[in-house]
N, C-alpha and C. Protein backbone atom coordinates (compact mmCIF):
# COMPACT_ATOMS: atom_id res chain seq x y z
N MET A 1 111.92 199.33 -135.52
CA MET A 1 110.92 200.01 -135.43
C MET A 1 110.02 199.67 -136.60
N LEU A 2 110.74 199.21 -137.75
CA LEU A 2 109.92 198.97 -139.07
C LEU A 2 108.97 197.50 -138.57
N LYS A 3 109.57 196.67 -138.00
CA LYS A 3 109.06 195.60 -137.78
C LYS A 3 107.77 195.73 -136.68
N LYS A 4 107.90 196.66 -135.71
CA LYS A 4 106.67 196.69 -134.80
C LYS A 4 105.89 197.52 -135.48
N PHE A 5 106.00 198.42 -136.57
CA PHE A 5 105.11 198.94 -137.59
C PHE A 5 104.25 197.83 -138.31
N CYS A 6 104.84 196.99 -138.90
CA CYS A 6 104.39 195.92 -139.60
C CYS A 6 103.42 195.18 -138.93
N ASN A 7 103.90 194.71 -137.51
CA ASN A 7 103.03 194.06 -136.72
C ASN A 7 101.87 194.58 -136.35
N TYR A 8 102.04 195.89 -136.08
CA TYR A 8 100.88 196.49 -135.64
C TYR A 8 99.75 196.68 -136.93
N PHE A 9 100.07 197.14 -137.90
CA PHE A 9 99.64 197.20 -139.12
C PHE A 9 98.60 195.84 -139.39
N VAL A 10 99.32 194.58 -139.17
CA VAL A 10 98.82 193.54 -139.41
C VAL A 10 97.56 193.26 -138.27
N ILE A 11 98.02 193.29 -137.33
CA ILE A 11 96.91 193.30 -136.27
C ILE A 11 95.55 194.46 -136.45
N CYS A 12 95.78 195.31 -136.82
CA CYS A 12 94.89 196.16 -137.14
C CYS A 12 94.12 195.52 -138.18
N ALA A 13 94.66 195.56 -139.63
CA ALA A 13 94.06 194.88 -140.92
C ALA A 13 93.08 193.45 -140.33
N VAL A 14 93.61 192.63 -139.43
CA VAL A 14 92.91 191.47 -139.30
C VAL A 14 91.73 191.88 -138.32
N ALA A 15 91.69 192.64 -137.31
CA ALA A 15 90.98 193.14 -136.78
C ALA A 15 89.77 193.74 -137.55
N ILE A 16 90.05 194.58 -138.64
CA ILE A 16 88.73 195.37 -139.25
C ILE A 16 88.52 194.30 -140.26
N VAL A 17 89.15 193.57 -140.58
CA VAL A 17 88.50 192.40 -141.55
C VAL A 17 87.34 191.71 -140.79
N SER A 18 87.82 191.21 -139.66
CA SER A 18 87.09 190.38 -138.95
C SER A 18 85.66 191.05 -138.38
N VAL A 19 85.77 192.10 -138.14
CA VAL A 19 84.44 193.13 -137.81
C VAL A 19 83.82 193.21 -139.15
N MET A 20 84.37 193.40 -140.30
CA MET A 20 83.72 193.48 -141.32
C MET A 20 83.08 192.30 -141.74
N MET A 21 83.44 190.89 -141.57
CA MET A 21 83.02 189.61 -141.74
C MET A 21 81.81 189.40 -140.80
N LEU A 22 81.83 189.68 -139.82
CA LEU A 22 81.03 189.30 -138.66
C LEU A 22 79.44 190.14 -138.98
N SER A 23 79.79 191.73 -139.44
CA SER A 23 78.55 192.21 -139.50
C SER A 23 77.95 191.88 -141.07
N ALA A 24 78.90 191.52 -141.88
CA ALA A 24 78.19 191.01 -143.13
C ALA A 24 77.33 189.52 -143.10
N CYS A 25 77.94 188.73 -141.88
CA CYS A 25 77.05 187.54 -141.82
C CYS A 25 75.88 187.73 -141.26
N SER A 26 75.61 189.03 -140.33
CA SER A 26 74.34 189.13 -139.71
C SER A 26 73.34 189.60 -140.65
N ASP A 27 73.61 190.57 -141.40
CA ASP A 27 73.06 191.28 -142.50
C ASP A 27 72.68 190.22 -143.41
N ASP A 28 73.47 189.24 -143.99
CA ASP A 28 73.12 188.25 -144.79
C ASP A 28 71.87 187.31 -144.23
N LYS A 29 72.27 186.96 -142.96
CA LYS A 29 71.20 186.40 -142.59
C LYS A 29 69.58 186.82 -142.47
N ASP A 30 69.60 188.12 -142.03
CA ASP A 30 68.14 188.94 -142.22
C ASP A 30 67.90 188.83 -143.88
N GLU A 31 68.64 188.81 -144.66
CA GLU A 31 68.15 189.07 -145.95
C GLU A 31 67.84 187.82 -146.54
N THR A 32 68.46 186.64 -146.11
CA THR A 32 68.10 185.20 -146.48
C THR A 32 66.72 185.10 -145.72
N GLN A 33 66.60 185.42 -144.50
CA GLN A 33 65.16 185.40 -143.69
C GLN A 33 64.24 186.17 -144.64
N SER A 34 64.18 187.22 -144.89
CA SER A 34 63.56 188.03 -145.70
C SER A 34 63.08 187.61 -147.03
N ASP A 35 64.16 187.08 -147.77
CA ASP A 35 64.01 186.45 -148.95
C ASP A 35 62.74 185.15 -148.73
N SER A 36 63.02 184.24 -147.76
CA SER A 36 62.17 183.43 -147.59
C SER A 36 60.98 183.69 -147.16
N ILE A 37 60.50 184.96 -146.59
CA ILE A 37 59.03 185.41 -146.38
C ILE A 37 58.22 185.90 -147.67
N VAL A 38 59.10 186.24 -148.60
CA VAL A 38 58.47 186.66 -149.93
C VAL A 38 57.39 185.64 -150.65
N GLY A 39 56.61 186.04 -150.66
CA GLY A 39 55.46 185.07 -151.53
C GLY A 39 54.12 185.22 -150.91
N LYS A 40 53.19 184.18 -151.37
CA LYS A 40 51.96 184.00 -150.90
C LYS A 40 51.39 183.18 -149.88
N TRP A 41 50.97 183.20 -148.58
CA TRP A 41 50.85 182.44 -147.54
C TRP A 41 49.31 182.49 -147.40
N LYS A 42 48.93 181.16 -146.42
CA LYS A 42 47.60 181.28 -145.77
C LYS A 42 47.55 180.74 -144.58
N THR A 43 46.93 181.13 -143.48
CA THR A 43 46.78 180.88 -142.22
C THR A 43 46.16 179.26 -142.23
N THR A 44 46.79 178.55 -141.58
CA THR A 44 46.29 177.20 -141.46
C THR A 44 46.05 176.57 -140.08
N TYR A 45 46.46 177.10 -139.03
CA TYR A 45 46.38 176.69 -137.69
C TYR A 45 46.62 178.08 -136.68
N VAL A 46 46.19 177.75 -135.65
CA VAL A 46 45.84 178.95 -134.59
C VAL A 46 46.01 178.28 -133.09
N LYS A 47 46.92 178.64 -132.41
CA LYS A 47 46.64 178.27 -131.05
C LYS A 47 47.14 179.40 -129.99
N GLY A 48 46.42 179.32 -128.56
CA GLY A 48 46.73 180.37 -127.72
C GLY A 48 46.14 180.15 -126.80
N TRP A 49 46.07 181.54 -125.93
CA TRP A 49 45.46 181.47 -124.25
C TRP A 49 45.41 182.80 -124.05
N GLU A 50 44.47 183.17 -123.07
CA GLU A 50 44.22 184.29 -122.39
C GLU A 50 44.30 183.89 -120.81
N LYS A 51 44.91 185.06 -119.97
CA LYS A 51 44.89 184.60 -118.72
C LYS A 51 44.18 185.96 -117.92
N GLU A 52 43.44 185.50 -116.89
CA GLU A 52 43.21 186.99 -116.08
C GLU A 52 43.67 186.68 -114.90
N ASN A 53 44.45 187.45 -113.95
CA ASN A 53 45.22 187.42 -112.72
C ASN A 53 45.94 186.23 -112.57
N GLY A 54 46.43 185.45 -113.66
CA GLY A 54 47.19 184.14 -113.59
C GLY A 54 46.59 183.14 -113.98
N THR A 55 44.92 183.10 -114.02
CA THR A 55 44.36 181.90 -114.36
C THR A 55 43.81 181.92 -115.72
N THR A 56 43.97 180.84 -116.51
CA THR A 56 43.40 181.00 -117.81
C THR A 56 42.21 180.56 -118.05
N VAL A 57 41.44 181.74 -118.80
CA VAL A 57 40.19 181.93 -118.91
C VAL A 57 39.80 181.40 -120.50
N ASP A 58 40.50 181.35 -121.18
CA ASP A 58 40.50 180.87 -122.52
C ASP A 58 41.46 180.24 -123.02
N SER A 59 41.57 179.27 -123.86
CA SER A 59 42.37 178.71 -124.78
C SER A 59 42.22 178.29 -126.27
N TRP A 60 42.86 178.02 -127.11
CA TRP A 60 42.39 177.22 -128.26
C TRP A 60 43.37 176.59 -128.93
N SER A 61 43.20 175.77 -129.68
CA SER A 61 44.35 175.19 -130.73
C SER A 61 43.00 174.35 -131.73
N GLU A 62 43.64 175.12 -133.07
CA GLU A 62 42.79 174.33 -134.07
C GLU A 62 42.89 175.04 -135.16
N SER A 63 42.63 174.19 -136.50
CA SER A 63 42.98 174.37 -137.59
C SER A 63 41.95 175.67 -138.28
N ILE A 64 42.47 176.01 -139.05
CA ILE A 64 41.72 177.42 -139.54
C ILE A 64 40.69 176.89 -140.88
N ASP A 65 39.29 177.06 -140.30
CA ASP A 65 38.21 176.81 -141.46
C ASP A 65 38.39 177.65 -142.72
N SER A 66 38.11 177.01 -143.99
CA SER A 66 38.13 177.63 -145.25
C SER A 66 37.35 178.69 -145.16
N ASP A 67 36.38 179.14 -144.51
CA ASP A 67 35.79 180.41 -143.97
C ASP A 67 36.25 181.39 -143.51
N ASP A 68 37.38 181.32 -142.83
CA ASP A 68 38.08 182.03 -141.98
C ASP A 68 39.66 182.21 -142.54
N VAL A 69 40.07 181.88 -143.40
CA VAL A 69 41.46 181.71 -143.86
C VAL A 69 41.79 183.13 -143.93
N GLU A 70 42.81 183.77 -143.83
CA GLU A 70 43.55 184.78 -144.16
C GLU A 70 44.63 184.42 -145.13
N TYR A 71 44.84 185.38 -146.10
CA TYR A 71 45.87 185.34 -147.16
C TYR A 71 46.82 186.44 -147.30
N TYR A 72 47.99 186.14 -147.00
CA TYR A 72 49.19 187.29 -147.08
C TYR A 72 49.92 186.90 -148.36
N GLU A 73 50.28 188.08 -148.95
CA GLU A 73 51.34 188.49 -149.76
C GLU A 73 52.33 189.27 -149.59
N PHE A 74 53.59 188.76 -149.28
CA PHE A 74 54.66 189.65 -148.91
C PHE A 74 55.53 189.70 -150.63
N LYS A 75 55.65 191.08 -150.73
CA LYS A 75 56.49 191.36 -151.87
C LYS A 75 58.03 191.68 -151.50
N SER A 76 58.63 191.61 -152.63
CA SER A 76 60.11 192.04 -152.29
C SER A 76 60.37 193.30 -152.22
N ASN A 77 59.82 194.25 -152.65
CA ASN A 77 59.43 195.85 -152.44
C ASN A 77 59.34 196.24 -150.80
N GLY A 78 58.86 195.03 -150.11
CA GLY A 78 58.29 195.69 -148.69
C GLY A 78 57.19 195.71 -148.47
N LYS A 79 56.42 195.58 -149.68
CA LYS A 79 55.06 195.77 -149.39
C LYS A 79 53.89 194.61 -149.04
N PHE A 80 52.99 194.89 -148.65
CA PHE A 80 52.28 193.66 -148.46
C PHE A 80 50.71 193.42 -148.29
N THR A 81 49.95 192.63 -148.74
CA THR A 81 48.39 192.57 -148.69
C THR A 81 48.00 191.55 -147.92
N CYS A 82 46.87 191.85 -147.07
CA CYS A 82 46.50 190.85 -146.16
C CYS A 82 44.83 190.75 -146.53
N SER A 83 44.26 189.61 -146.85
CA SER A 83 43.17 189.53 -147.27
C SER A 83 42.08 188.22 -146.62
N ASP A 84 40.73 188.53 -146.60
CA ASP A 84 40.05 187.44 -146.41
C ASP A 84 38.98 187.09 -147.29
N ASP A 85 37.68 186.77 -147.10
CA ASP A 85 36.80 186.67 -148.13
C ASP A 85 36.02 187.95 -147.86
N TRP A 86 35.98 188.75 -147.19
CA TRP A 86 35.53 190.29 -146.83
C TRP A 86 36.24 191.51 -147.06
N ASP A 87 37.45 191.47 -146.54
CA ASP A 87 38.20 192.47 -146.51
C ASP A 87 39.52 192.42 -147.26
N GLU A 88 40.24 193.71 -147.53
CA GLU A 88 41.39 193.77 -147.96
C GLU A 88 42.58 194.63 -147.47
N TYR A 89 43.45 194.35 -146.88
CA TYR A 89 44.41 195.62 -146.27
C TYR A 89 45.90 195.53 -146.78
N GLU A 90 46.24 196.62 -146.94
CA GLU A 90 47.76 196.69 -147.46
C GLU A 90 48.67 197.80 -146.65
N GLY A 91 49.97 197.36 -146.60
CA GLY A 91 50.84 198.06 -145.95
C GLY A 91 52.33 197.68 -146.19
N ARG A 92 53.31 198.18 -145.22
CA ARG A 92 54.68 197.34 -145.41
C ARG A 92 55.09 196.66 -144.42
N TRP A 93 56.41 195.69 -145.02
CA TRP A 93 56.54 194.76 -143.73
C TRP A 93 58.22 194.93 -143.82
N SER A 94 58.70 194.53 -142.75
CA SER A 94 60.13 194.15 -142.86
C SER A 94 60.36 193.05 -141.59
N TYR A 95 61.63 192.55 -141.63
CA TYR A 95 62.15 191.44 -141.17
C TYR A 95 63.58 191.77 -140.43
N SER A 96 63.56 191.69 -139.12
CA SER A 96 64.95 191.57 -138.75
C SER A 96 65.14 191.06 -137.01
N GLU A 97 66.18 190.15 -137.11
CA GLU A 97 66.26 189.27 -135.77
C GLU A 97 65.24 188.79 -135.55
N GLY A 98 64.62 188.14 -136.23
CA GLY A 98 63.40 187.07 -135.73
C GLY A 98 62.33 187.73 -135.73
N THR A 99 62.22 189.31 -136.01
CA THR A 99 61.01 189.95 -135.87
C THR A 99 60.49 190.12 -136.95
N LEU A 100 58.95 189.82 -137.23
CA LEU A 100 58.37 190.05 -138.49
C LEU A 100 57.43 191.38 -138.39
N SER A 101 57.86 192.79 -138.71
CA SER A 101 56.89 193.60 -138.56
C SER A 101 56.03 194.23 -139.52
N LEU A 102 54.80 194.37 -139.34
CA LEU A 102 53.50 194.93 -140.33
C LEU A 102 53.18 195.98 -139.94
N ARG A 103 53.14 196.97 -140.59
CA ARG A 103 52.51 198.50 -140.45
C ARG A 103 51.63 198.67 -141.73
N TYR A 104 50.12 198.71 -141.30
CA TYR A 104 48.96 198.75 -142.14
C TYR A 104 49.04 200.30 -142.78
N ASP A 105 48.68 200.50 -143.94
CA ASP A 105 48.34 201.58 -144.38
C ASP A 105 47.50 202.63 -143.59
N ASP A 106 46.81 201.96 -142.89
CA ASP A 106 45.69 202.98 -141.80
C ASP A 106 46.77 203.40 -140.73
N ASP A 107 47.86 202.77 -140.57
CA ASP A 107 48.93 203.14 -139.28
C ASP A 107 49.08 202.01 -138.23
N ASP A 108 47.96 201.18 -138.50
CA ASP A 108 47.99 199.95 -137.45
C ASP A 108 49.06 199.32 -137.73
N ALA A 109 49.65 198.64 -136.37
CA ALA A 109 50.98 198.20 -136.64
C ALA A 109 51.29 196.68 -135.80
N GLU A 110 51.72 195.60 -135.92
CA GLU A 110 51.91 194.43 -135.49
C GLU A 110 53.39 194.00 -135.61
N LYS A 111 53.83 193.20 -134.59
CA LYS A 111 54.93 192.47 -134.63
C LYS A 111 54.63 191.28 -133.93
N PHE A 112 55.42 190.29 -134.63
CA PHE A 112 55.49 188.96 -134.20
C PHE A 112 56.73 188.61 -134.25
N SER A 113 57.24 187.45 -133.35
CA SER A 113 58.47 186.42 -133.45
C SER A 113 57.96 185.82 -134.47
N CYS A 114 59.15 185.42 -135.76
CA CYS A 114 58.50 184.87 -136.72
C CYS A 114 59.91 183.94 -136.89
N SER A 115 59.33 182.94 -137.37
CA SER A 115 60.29 181.59 -137.73
C SER A 115 59.82 181.03 -139.16
N VAL A 116 60.74 180.66 -140.23
CA VAL A 116 60.10 180.10 -141.20
C VAL A 116 61.21 178.73 -141.73
N SER A 117 60.50 177.69 -142.14
CA SER A 117 60.99 176.31 -142.40
C SER A 117 60.44 176.15 -143.80
N GLY A 118 61.15 175.98 -144.94
CA GLY A 118 60.52 175.73 -146.04
C GLY A 118 59.35 176.47 -146.18
N ASP A 119 58.28 175.67 -146.58
CA ASP A 119 56.71 176.31 -146.89
C ASP A 119 55.98 176.45 -145.60
N LYS A 120 56.60 176.65 -144.65
CA LYS A 120 55.75 177.09 -143.19
C LYS A 120 56.27 177.81 -142.54
N MET A 121 55.64 178.88 -142.17
CA MET A 121 55.82 180.28 -141.38
C MET A 121 55.02 180.05 -140.16
N VAL A 122 55.73 180.38 -138.77
CA VAL A 122 55.22 180.51 -137.57
C VAL A 122 55.20 181.97 -137.28
N TRP A 123 54.23 182.62 -136.68
CA TRP A 123 54.08 183.68 -136.05
C TRP A 123 53.72 183.86 -134.64
N SER A 124 54.17 184.16 -133.79
CA SER A 124 53.36 184.32 -132.53
C SER A 124 53.77 185.64 -131.69
N ASN A 125 52.95 185.94 -130.61
CA ASN A 125 53.30 187.33 -129.84
C ASN A 125 52.49 187.03 -128.57
N LYS A 126 52.69 187.81 -127.73
CA LYS A 126 52.15 187.79 -126.60
C LYS A 126 52.09 189.12 -125.75
N GLY A 127 51.24 189.25 -124.85
CA GLY A 127 51.39 190.45 -124.15
C GLY A 127 50.74 190.62 -122.67
N LYS A 128 50.90 191.71 -121.84
CA LYS A 128 50.53 191.83 -120.64
C LYS A 128 49.97 193.10 -120.16
N TYR A 129 48.86 193.36 -119.57
CA TYR A 129 48.60 194.91 -119.02
C TYR A 129 47.66 194.41 -117.77
N SER A 130 47.80 195.69 -117.02
CA SER A 130 46.81 195.63 -116.12
C SER A 130 45.78 197.07 -116.11
N GLU A 131 44.64 196.40 -115.78
CA GLU A 131 43.57 197.52 -115.71
C GLU A 131 42.60 197.07 -114.77
N ASP A 132 42.00 198.49 -113.94
CA ASP A 132 41.01 198.24 -112.85
C ASP A 132 41.47 196.97 -111.89
N GLY A 133 42.87 197.16 -111.34
CA GLY A 133 43.21 195.91 -110.57
C GLY A 133 43.37 194.48 -111.03
N HIS A 134 43.09 194.42 -112.24
CA HIS A 134 43.21 193.11 -112.82
C HIS A 134 44.21 192.89 -113.69
N THR A 135 45.05 191.93 -113.95
CA THR A 135 46.31 191.65 -114.72
C THR A 135 45.46 190.79 -115.89
N TYR A 136 45.97 191.16 -116.96
CA TYR A 136 45.60 190.17 -118.20
C TYR A 136 46.75 189.93 -118.96
N GLU A 137 46.94 188.45 -119.43
CA GLU A 137 47.69 188.04 -120.42
C GLU A 137 47.11 187.58 -121.56
N TRP A 138 47.90 187.31 -122.59
CA TRP A 138 47.56 186.57 -123.78
C TRP A 138 48.77 186.14 -124.50
N TYR A 139 48.57 184.93 -125.33
CA TYR A 139 49.56 184.48 -126.38
C TYR A 139 48.76 183.82 -127.34
N GLU A 140 49.50 184.30 -128.59
CA GLU A 140 48.87 183.50 -129.65
C GLU A 140 49.77 183.03 -130.96
N GLU A 141 49.66 182.10 -131.46
CA GLU A 141 50.42 181.69 -132.32
C GLU A 141 49.86 181.26 -133.38
N MET A 142 50.33 181.45 -134.70
CA MET A 142 49.64 181.47 -135.95
C MET A 142 50.71 180.50 -137.03
N THR A 143 50.11 179.78 -137.61
CA THR A 143 50.78 178.77 -138.71
C THR A 143 50.26 179.12 -140.04
N LEU A 144 51.51 179.72 -140.88
CA LEU A 144 50.85 179.76 -142.57
C LEU A 144 51.66 178.67 -143.13
N SER A 145 51.16 178.77 -144.21
CA SER A 145 51.43 177.71 -145.29
C SER A 145 51.68 178.34 -146.61
N ARG A 146 52.60 178.22 -147.41
CA ARG A 146 53.19 178.83 -148.58
C ARG A 146 52.10 178.45 -149.46
N ILE A 147 51.57 179.55 -150.32
CA ILE A 147 50.79 179.15 -151.72
C ILE A 147 51.80 179.07 -152.70
N SER A 148 52.62 180.32 -152.99
CA SER A 148 53.40 180.08 -154.19
C SER A 148 54.62 181.18 -153.85
N LYS A 149 55.91 181.31 -154.28
CA LYS A 149 56.70 182.03 -154.18
C LYS A 149 56.85 183.53 -155.10
């Protein structure tokens, strides 16, 4: 009887430790990714397309001119600033499972698929909607380069 109890106890302990390790790994990955986003960035490249009823009506792929650069500063406290030559916006940011969420102080919000590799960050998003019997789709991808950490 004691032997069965010990075996049962060992199996339960191993299961609990395994679950704890798996959940800790997931959180560490998001935290590491969030840490890699913290810093100052500038937009360098953008590409995308727009479709109406499945037909491409516009596409682009271009480097950002110095007059059109947007600057983003992501702080470790979850706040961010977005600015260009004319305007500045502030808000809060978060990262989870490959998605960067930006909520501006005026309550506008954006979500992007996000990947970071060294000093390069790539955001992308897409959408689809219907209006007046037409279906519209769009895709945009933006590349940012790190200015400082």
